[in-house]
């Protein structure tokens, strides 16, 4: 038998700070995983793939990863409100 626990926020004054400090990249990584289009170019979630055989394609995918990451790291939750 499980019991329901009603959780309460300890300090609501920190909510504004959290909205200003949490980047969209952090939210996406926590909910969806890597920002990279494929695992073989991911900085944090590397996974070997057949794409690695094409150096030019890997370079392109890394550029895409870096562009997306840069934009999302610089955007906070508060920026979207």
PDB file of N, CA and C in Angstrom:
ATOM      1  N   UNK A   1       0.846  -1.174   0.000  1.00  0.00           N
ATOM      2  CA  UNK A   1       0.000   0.000   0.000  1.00  0.00           C
ATOM      3  C   UNK A   1       0.899   1.248   0.000  1.00  0.00           C
ATOM      4  N   UNK A   2       0.704   2.092  -0.966  1.00  0.00           N
ATOM      5  CA  UNK A   2       1.505   3.305  -1.055  1.00  0.00           C
ATOM      6  C   UNK A   2       0.721   4.491  -0.507  1.00  0.00           C
ATOM      7  N   UNK A   3       1.457   5.423   0.027  1.00  0.00           N
ATOM      8  CA  UNK A   3       0.815   6.630   0.544  1.00  0.00           C
ATOM      9  C   UNK A   3       1.250   7.810  -0.286  1.00  0.00           C
ATOM     10  N   UNK A   4       0.371   8.744  -0.450  1.00  0.00           N
ATOM     11  CA  UNK A   4       0.664   9.953  -1.219  1.00  0.00           C
ATOM     12  C   UNK A   4       1.321  10.973  -0.309  1.00  0.00           C
ATOM     13  N   UNK A   5       2.417  11.524  -0.773  1.00  0.00           N
ATOM     14  CA  UNK A   5       3.093  12.570  -0.023  1.00  0.00           C
ATOM     15  C   UNK A   5       2.958  13.873  -0.790  1.00  0.00           C
ATOM     16  N   UNK A   6       2.420  14.861  -0.154  1.00  0.00           N
ATOM     17  CA  UNK A   6       2.261  16.168  -0.772  1.00  0.00           C
ATOM     18  C   UNK A   6       3.531  16.970  -0.525  1.00  0.00           C
ATOM     19  N   UNK A   7       4.342  17.117  -1.553  1.00  0.00           N
ATOM     20  CA  UNK A   7       5.609  17.827  -1.409  1.00  0.00           C
ATOM     21  C   UNK A   7       5.388  19.334  -1.452  1.00  0.00           C
ATOM     22  N   UNK A   8       6.194  20.041  -0.693  1.00  0.00           N
ATOM     23  CA  UNK A   8       6.112  21.488  -0.675  1.00  0.00           C
ATOM     24  C   UNK A   8       7.470  22.068  -1.035  1.00  0.00           C
ATOM     25  N   UNK A   9       7.457  23.174  -1.730  1.00  0.00           N
ATOM     26  CA  UNK A   9       8.691  23.858  -2.083  1.00  0.00           C
ATOM     27  C   UNK A   9       9.228  24.530  -0.837  1.00  0.00           C
ATOM     28  N   UNK A  10      10.513  24.311  -0.558  1.00  0.00           N
ATOM     29  CA  UNK A  10      11.109  24.848   0.666  1.00  0.00           C
ATOM     30  C   UNK A  10      11.254  26.361   0.628  1.00  0.00           C
ATOM     31  N   UNK A  11      11.613  26.896  -0.526  1.00  0.00           N
ATOM     32  CA  UNK A  11      11.878  28.333  -0.595  1.00  0.00           C
ATOM     33  C   UNK A  11      11.496  28.853  -1.978  1.00  0.00           C
ATOM     34  N   UNK A  12      10.301  29.383  -2.105  1.00  0.00           N
ATOM     35  CA  UNK A  12       9.819  29.886  -3.396  1.00  0.00           C
ATOM     36  C   UNK A  12      10.614  31.086  -3.900  1.00  0.00           C
ATOM     37  N   UNK A  13      11.352  31.741  -3.011  1.00  0.00           N
ATOM     38  CA  UNK A  13      12.147  32.889  -3.456  1.00  0.00           C
ATOM     39  C   UNK A  13      13.252  32.465  -4.417  1.00  0.00           C
ATOM     40  N   UNK A  14      13.565  31.171  -4.446  1.00  0.00           N
ATOM     41  CA  UNK A  14      14.601  30.677  -5.359  1.00  0.00           C
ATOM     42  C   UNK A  14      14.068  30.386  -6.762  1.00  0.00           C
ATOM     43  N   UNK A  15      12.765  30.446  -6.946  1.00  0.00           N
ATOM     44  CA  UNK A  15      12.173  30.136  -8.252  1.00  0.00           C
ATOM     45  C   UNK A  15      12.662  31.087  -9.334  1.00  0.00           C
ATOM     46  N   UNK A  16      12.716  32.365  -9.046  1.00  0.00           N
ATOM     47  CA  UNK A  16      13.184  33.341 -10.046  1.00  0.00           C
ATOM     48  C   UNK A  16      14.638  33.087 -10.398  1.00  0.00           C
ATOM     49  N   UNK A  17      15.444  32.747  -9.403  1.00  0.00           N
ATOM     50  CA  UNK A  17      16.852  32.442  -9.659  1.00  0.00           C
ATOM     51  C   UNK A  17      16.970  31.227 -10.586  1.00  0.00           C
ATOM     52  N   UNK A  18      16.179  30.206 -10.330  1.00  0.00           N
ATOM     53  CA  UNK A  18      16.227  29.000 -11.149  1.00  0.00           C
ATOM     54  C   UNK A  18      15.865  29.269 -12.595  1.00  0.00           C
ATOM     55  N   UNK A  19      14.846  30.097 -12.822  1.00  0.00           N
ATOM     56  CA  UNK A  19      14.450  30.419 -14.193  1.00  0.00           C
ATOM     57  C   UNK A  19      15.557  31.168 -14.925  1.00  0.00           C
ATOM     58  N   UNK A  20      16.343  31.978 -14.207  1.00  0.00           N
ATOM     59  CA  UNK A  20      17.414  32.750 -14.833  1.00  0.00           C
ATOM     60  C   UNK A  20      18.659  31.923 -15.065  1.00  0.00           C
ATOM     61  N   UNK A  21      18.865  30.883 -14.267  1.00  0.00           N
ATOM     62  CA  UNK A  21      20.107  30.120 -14.307  1.00  0.00           C
ATOM     63  C   UNK A  21      20.039  28.811 -15.099  1.00  0.00           C
ATOM     64  N   UNK A  22      18.869  28.266 -15.272  1.00  0.00           N
ATOM     65  CA  UNK A  22      18.747  26.974 -15.941  1.00  0.00           C
ATOM     66  C   UNK A  22      18.672  27.193 -17.448  1.00  0.00           C
ATOM     67  N   UNK A  23      19.642  26.609 -18.155  1.00  0.00           N
ATOM     68  CA  UNK A  23      19.662  26.766 -19.615  1.00  0.00           C
ATOM     69  C   UNK A  23      18.723  25.751 -20.262  1.00  0.00           C
ATOM     70  N   UNK A  24      18.287  26.078 -21.454  1.00  0.00           N
ATOM     71  CA  UNK A  24      17.424  25.168 -22.211  1.00  0.00           C
ATOM     72  C   UNK A  24      18.191  23.886 -22.543  1.00  0.00           C
ATOM     73  N   UNK A  25      19.499  24.001 -22.757  1.00  0.00           N
ATOM     74  CA  UNK A  25      20.315  22.818 -23.028  1.00  0.00           C
ATOM     75  C   UNK A  25      20.253  21.833 -21.860  1.00  0.00           C
ATOM     76  N   UNK A  26      20.305  22.338 -20.638  1.00  0.00           N
ATOM     77  CA  UNK A  26      20.225  21.466 -19.462  1.00  0.00           C
ATOM     78  C   UNK A  26      18.887  20.735 -19.415  1.00  0.00           C
ATOM     79  N   UNK A  27      17.823  21.454 -19.702  1.00  0.00           N
ATOM     80  CA  UNK A  27      16.488  20.852 -19.675  1.00  0.00           C
ATOM     81  C   UNK A  27      16.384  19.755 -20.723  1.00  0.00           C
ATOM     82  N   UNK A  28      16.849  20.028 -21.936  1.00  0.00           N
ATOM     83  CA  UNK A  28      16.771  19.037 -23.015  1.00  0.00           C
ATOM     84  C   UNK A  28      17.614  17.815 -22.685  1.00  0.00           C
ATOM     85  N   UNK A  29      18.830  18.031 -22.174  1.00  0.00           N
ATOM     86  CA  UNK A  29      19.688  16.890 -21.824  1.00  0.00           C
ATOM     87  C   UNK A  29      19.051  16.016 -20.749  1.00  0.00           C
ATOM     88  N   UNK A  30      18.399  16.636 -19.778  1.00  0.00           N
ATOM     89  CA  UNK A  30      17.765  15.865 -18.710  1.00  0.00           C
ATOM     90  C   UNK A  30      16.542  15.102 -19.203  1.00  0.00           C
ATOM     91  N   UNK A  31      15.792  15.702 -20.113  1.00  0.00           N
ATOM     92  CA  UNK A  31      14.554  15.081 -20.570  1.00  0.00           C
ATOM     93  C   UNK A  31      14.742  14.173 -21.773  1.00  0.00           C
ATOM     94  N   UNK A  32      15.680  14.548 -22.656  1.00  0.00           N
ATOM     95  CA  UNK A  32      15.760  13.856 -23.946  1.00  0.00           C
ATOM     96  C   UNK A  32      17.127  13.253 -24.246  1.00  0.00           C
ATOM     97  N   UNK A  33      18.157  13.649 -23.520  1.00  0.00           N
ATOM     98  CA  UNK A  33      19.491  13.116 -23.784  1.00  0.00           C
ATOM     99  C   UNK A  33      20.366  14.099 -24.537  1.00  0.00           C
ATOM    100  N   UNK A  34      21.245  13.588 -25.373  1.00  0.00           N
ATOM    101  CA  UNK A  34      22.244  14.442 -26.033  1.00  0.00           C
ATOM    102  C   UNK A  34      21.648  15.451 -27.010  1.00  0.00           C
ATOM    103  N   UNK A  35      22.369  16.557 -27.170  1.00  0.00           N
ATOM    104  CA  UNK A  35      21.965  17.568 -28.156  1.00  0.00           C
ATOM    105  C   UNK A  35      22.481  17.212 -29.550  1.00  0.00           C
ATOM    106  N   UNK A  36      23.520  16.410 -29.607  1.00  0.00           N
ATOM    107  CA  UNK A  36      24.138  16.041 -30.882  1.00  0.00           C
ATOM    108  C   UNK A  36      23.165  15.251 -31.751  1.00  0.00           C
ATOM    109  N   UNK A  37      23.237  15.452 -33.080  1.00  0.00           N
ATOM    110  CA  UNK A  37      22.323  14.730 -33.977  1.00  0.00           C
ATOM    111  C   UNK A  37      22.556  13.222 -34.010  1.00  0.00           C
ATOM    112  N   UNK A  38      23.789  12.787 -33.713  1.00  0.00           N
ATOM    113  CA  UNK A  38      24.115  11.357 -33.630  1.00  0.00           C
ATOM    114  C   UNK A  38      25.085  11.141 -32.473  1.00  0.00           C
ATOM    115  N   UNK A  39      25.078   9.942 -31.910  1.00  0.00           N
ATOM    116  CA  UNK A  39      25.905   9.638 -30.750  1.00  0.00           C
ATOM    117  C   UNK A  39      27.398   9.750 -30.975  1.00  0.00           C
ATOM    118  N   UNK A  40      27.842   9.535 -32.197  1.00  0.00           N
ATOM    119  CA  UNK A  40      29.282   9.536 -32.460  1.00  0.00           C
ATOM    120  C   UNK A  40      29.897  10.933 -32.471  1.00  0.00           C
ATOM    121  N   UNK A  41      29.091  11.979 -32.380  1.00  0.00           N
ATOM    122  CA  UNK A  41      29.637  13.335 -32.267  1.00  0.00           C
ATOM    123  C   UNK A  41      29.216  13.998 -30.952  1.00  0.00           C
ATOM    124  N   UNK A  42      28.621  13.234 -30.071  1.00  0.00           N
ATOM    125  CA  UNK A  42      28.181  13.769 -28.789  1.00  0.00           C
ATOM    126  C   UNK A  42      29.364  13.932 -27.841  1.00  0.00           C
ATOM    127  N   UNK A  43      29.414  15.066 -27.140  1.00  0.00           N
ATOM    128  CA  UNK A  43      30.484  15.299 -26.168  1.00  0.00           C
ATOM    129  C   UNK A  43      30.248  14.525 -24.881  1.00  0.00           C
ATOM    130  N   UNK A  44      29.000  14.382 -24.476  1.00  0.00           N
ATOM    131  CA  UNK A  44      28.681  13.783 -23.185  1.00  0.00           C
ATOM    132  C   UNK A  44      28.083  12.380 -23.285  1.00  0.00           C
ATOM    133  N   UNK A  45      27.534  12.028 -24.435  1.00  0.00           N
ATOM    134  CA  UNK A  45      26.860  10.746 -24.597  1.00  0.00           C
ATOM    135  C   UNK A  45      27.414   9.981 -25.805  1.00  0.00           C
ATOM    136  N   UNK A  46      28.736   9.967 -25.954  1.00  0.00           N
ATOM    137  CA  UNK A  46      29.365   9.342 -27.130  1.00  0.00           C
ATOM    138  C   UNK A  46      28.925   7.892 -27.291  1.00  0.00           C
ATOM    139  N   UNK A  47      28.646   7.533 -28.525  1.00  0.00           N
ATOM    140  CA  UNK A  47      28.302   6.158 -28.867  1.00  0.00           C
ATOM    141  C   UNK A  47      28.815   5.912 -30.284  1.00  0.00           C
ATOM    142  N   UNK A  48      29.593   4.879 -30.456  1.00  0.00           N
ATOM    143  CA  UNK A  48      30.192   4.565 -31.758  1.00  0.00           C
ATOM    144  C   UNK A  48      29.100   4.316 -32.800  1.00  0.00           C
ATOM    145  N   UNK A  49      29.357   4.794 -34.036  1.00  0.00           N
ATOM    146  CA  UNK A  49      28.397   4.571 -35.119  1.00  0.00           C
ATOM    147  C   UNK A  49      29.135   4.455 -36.453  1.00  0.00           C
ATOM    148  N   UNK A  50      28.490   3.879 -37.465  1.00  0.00           N
ATOM    149  CA  UNK A  50      29.111   3.729 -38.780  1.00  0.00           C
ATOM    150  C   UNK A  50      29.425   5.071 -39.455  1.00  0.00           C
ATOM    151  N   UNK A  51      28.776   6.125 -39.025  1.00  0.00           N
ATOM    152  CA  UNK A  51      28.993   7.455 -39.616  1.00  0.00           C
ATOM    153  C   UNK A  51      30.446   7.897 -39.440  1.00  0.00           C
ATOM    154  N   UNK A  52      31.116   7.380 -38.427  1.00  0.00           N
ATOM    155  CA  UNK A  52      32.491   7.775 -38.139  1.00  0.00           C
ATOM    156  C   UNK A  52      33.441   7.484 -39.307  1.00  0.00           C
ATOM    157  N   UNK A  53      33.037   6.664 -40.238  1.00  0.00           N
ATOM    158  CA  UNK A  53      33.883   6.331 -41.386  1.00  0.00           C
ATOM    159  C   UNK A  53      34.018   7.504 -42.353  1.00  0.00           C
ATOM    160  N   UNK A  54      33.111   8.453 -42.294  1.00  0.00           N
ATOM    161  CA  UNK A  54      33.147   9.610 -43.182  1.00  0.00           C
ATOM    162  C   UNK A  54      33.582  10.843 -42.398  1.00  0.00           C
ATOM    163  N   UNK A  55      34.845  11.205 -42.505  1.00  0.00           N
ATOM    164  CA  UNK A  55      35.400  12.327 -41.745  1.00  0.00           C
ATOM    165  C   UNK A  55      34.695  13.642 -42.079  1.00  0.00           C
ATOM    166  N   UNK A  56      34.374  13.873 -43.347  1.00  0.00           N
ATOM    167  CA  UNK A  56      33.709  15.120 -43.735  1.00  0.00           C
ATOM    168  C   UNK A  56      32.312  15.224 -43.119  1.00  0.00           C
ATOM    169  N   UNK A  57      31.617  14.112 -43.071  1.00  0.00           N
ATOM    170  CA  UNK A  57      30.280  14.101 -42.484  1.00  0.00           C
ATOM    171  C   UNK A  57      30.350  14.333 -40.975  1.00  0.00           C
ATOM    172  N   UNK A  58      31.337  13.740 -40.327  1.00  0.00           N
ATOM    173  CA  UNK A  58      31.544  13.936 -38.890  1.00  0.00           C
ATOM    174  C   UNK A  58      31.826  15.407 -38.592  1.00  0.00           C
ATOM    175  N   UNK A  59      32.648  16.036 -39.409  1.00  0.00           N
ATOM    176  CA  UNK A  59      32.954  17.457 -39.225  1.00  0.00           C
ATOM    177  C   UNK A  59      31.678  18.289 -39.335  1.00  0.00           C
ATOM    178  N   UNK A  60      30.859  18.004 -40.333  1.00  0.00           N
ATOM    179  CA  UNK A  60      29.585  18.711 -40.508  1.00  0.00           C
ATOM    180  C   UNK A  60      28.677  18.522 -39.291  1.00  0.00           C
ATOM    181  N   UNK A  61      28.552  17.289 -38.819  1.00  0.00           N
ATOM    182  CA  UNK A  61      27.688  17.014 -37.675  1.00  0.00           C
ATOM    183  C   UNK A  61      28.213  17.665 -36.397  1.00  0.00           C
ATOM    184  N   UNK A  62      29.526  17.760 -36.245  1.00  0.00           N
ATOM    185  CA  UNK A  62      30.093  18.453 -35.083  1.00  0.00           C
ATOM    186  C   UNK A  62      29.788  19.950 -35.136  1.00  0.00           C
ATOM    187  N   UNK A  63      29.855  20.523 -36.330  1.00  0.00           N
ATOM    188  CA  UNK A  63      29.519  21.943 -36.479  1.00  0.00           C
ATOM    189  C   UNK A  63      28.053  22.188 -36.117  1.00  0.00           C
ATOM    190  N   UNK A  64      27.178  21.295 -36.545  1.00  0.00           N
ATOM    191  CA  UNK A  64      25.753  21.395 -36.216  1.00  0.00           C
ATOM    192  C   UNK A  64      25.566  21.265 -34.706  1.00  0.00           C
ATOM    193  N   UNK A  65      26.225  20.263 -34.102  1.00  0.00           N
ATOM    194  CA  UNK A  65      26.145  20.070 -32.653  1.00  0.00           C
ATOM    195  C   UNK A  65      26.597  21.318 -31.899  1.00  0.00           C
ATOM    196  N   UNK A  66      27.727  21.894 -32.323  1.00  0.00           N
ATOM    197  CA  UNK A  66      28.270  23.070 -31.634  1.00  0.00           C
ATOM    198  C   UNK A  66      27.357  24.281 -31.769  1.00  0.00           C
ATOM    199  N   UNK A  67      26.762  24.452 -32.938  1.00  0.00           N
ATOM    200  CA  UNK A  67      25.844  25.579 -33.154  1.00  0.00           C
ATOM    201  C   UNK A  67      24.615  25.450 -32.259  1.00  0.00           C
ATOM    202  N   UNK A  68      24.010  24.266 -32.274  1.00  0.00           N
ATOM    203  CA  UNK A  68      22.818  24.022 -31.463  1.00  0.00           C
ATOM    204  C   UNK A  68      23.142  24.175 -29.980  1.00  0.00           C
ATOM    205  N   UNK A  69      24.225  23.566 -29.558  1.00  0.00           N
ATOM    206  CA  UNK A  69      24.627  23.634 -28.155  1.00  0.00           C
ATOM    207  C   UNK A  69      24.874  25.071 -27.710  1.00  0.00           C
ATOM    208  N   UNK A  70      25.571  25.832 -28.539  1.00  0.00           N
ATOM    209  CA  UNK A  70      25.867  27.220 -28.207  1.00  0.00           C
ATOM    210  C   UNK A  70      24.584  28.028 -28.010  1.00  0.00           C
ATOM    211  N   UNK A  71      23.650  27.876 -28.914  1.00  0.00           N
ATOM    212  CA  UNK A  71      22.381  28.610 -28.812  1.00  0.00           C
ATOM    213  C   UNK A  71      21.593  28.204 -27.564  1.00  0.00           C
ATOM    214  N   UNK A  72      21.510  26.912 -27.305  1.00  0.00           N
ATOM    215  CA  UNK A  72      20.703  26.436 -26.187  1.00  0.00           C
ATOM    216  C   UNK A  72      21.362  26.693 -24.834  1.00  0.00           C
ATOM    217  N   UNK A  73      22.701  26.687 -24.786  1.00  0.00           N
ATOM    218  CA  UNK A  73      23.407  26.987 -23.535  1.00  0.00           C
ATOM    219  C   UNK A  73      23.246  28.457 -23.163  1.00  0.00           C
ATOM    220  N   UNK A  74      23.126  29.327 -24.154  1.00  0.00           N
ATOM    221  CA  UNK A  74      22.992  30.762 -23.909  1.00  0.00           C
ATOM    222  C   UNK A  74      21.550  31.204 -23.658  1.00  0.00           C
ATOM    223  N   UNK A  75      20.615  30.296 -23.855  1.00  0.00           N
ATOM    224  CA  UNK A  75      19.203  30.612 -23.663  1.00  0.00           C
ATOM    225  C   UNK A  75      18.716  30.003 -22.356  1.00  0.00           C
ATOM    226  N   UNK A  76      18.169  30.841 -21.486  1.00  0.00           N
ATOM    227  CA  UNK A  76      17.654  30.334 -20.209  1.00  0.00           C
ATOM    228  C   UNK A  76      16.152  30.181 -20.290  1.00  0.00           C
ATOM    229  N   UNK A  77      15.625  29.504 -19.306  1.00  0.00           N
ATOM    230  CA  UNK A  77      14.175  29.324 -19.205  1.00  0.00           C
ATOM    231  C   UNK A  77      13.477  30.667 -19.150  1.00  0.00           C
ATOM    232  N   UNK A  78      14.068  31.618 -18.435  1.00  0.00           N
ATOM    233  CA  UNK A  78      13.467  32.958 -18.295  1.00  0.00           C
ATOM    234  C   UNK A  78      13.412  33.687 -19.641  1.00  0.00           C
ATOM    235  N   UNK A  79      14.370  33.419 -20.528  1.00  0.00           N
ATOM    236  CA  UNK A  79      14.374  34.065 -21.846  1.00  0.00           C
ATOM    237  C   UNK A  79      13.140  33.696 -22.666  1.00  0.00           C
ATOM    238  N   UNK A  80      12.575  32.552 -22.395  1.00  0.00           N
ATOM    239  CA  UNK A  80      11.429  32.075 -23.168  1.00  0.00           C
ATOM    240  C   UNK A  80      10.088  32.493 -22.586  1.00  0.00           C
ATOM    241  N   UNK A  81      10.111  33.061 -21.391  1.00  0.00           N
ATOM    242  CA  UNK A  81       8.845  33.471 -20.756  1.00  0.00           C
ATOM    243  C   UNK A  81       8.448  34.869 -21.174  1.00  0.00           C
TER     244      UNK A  81
END
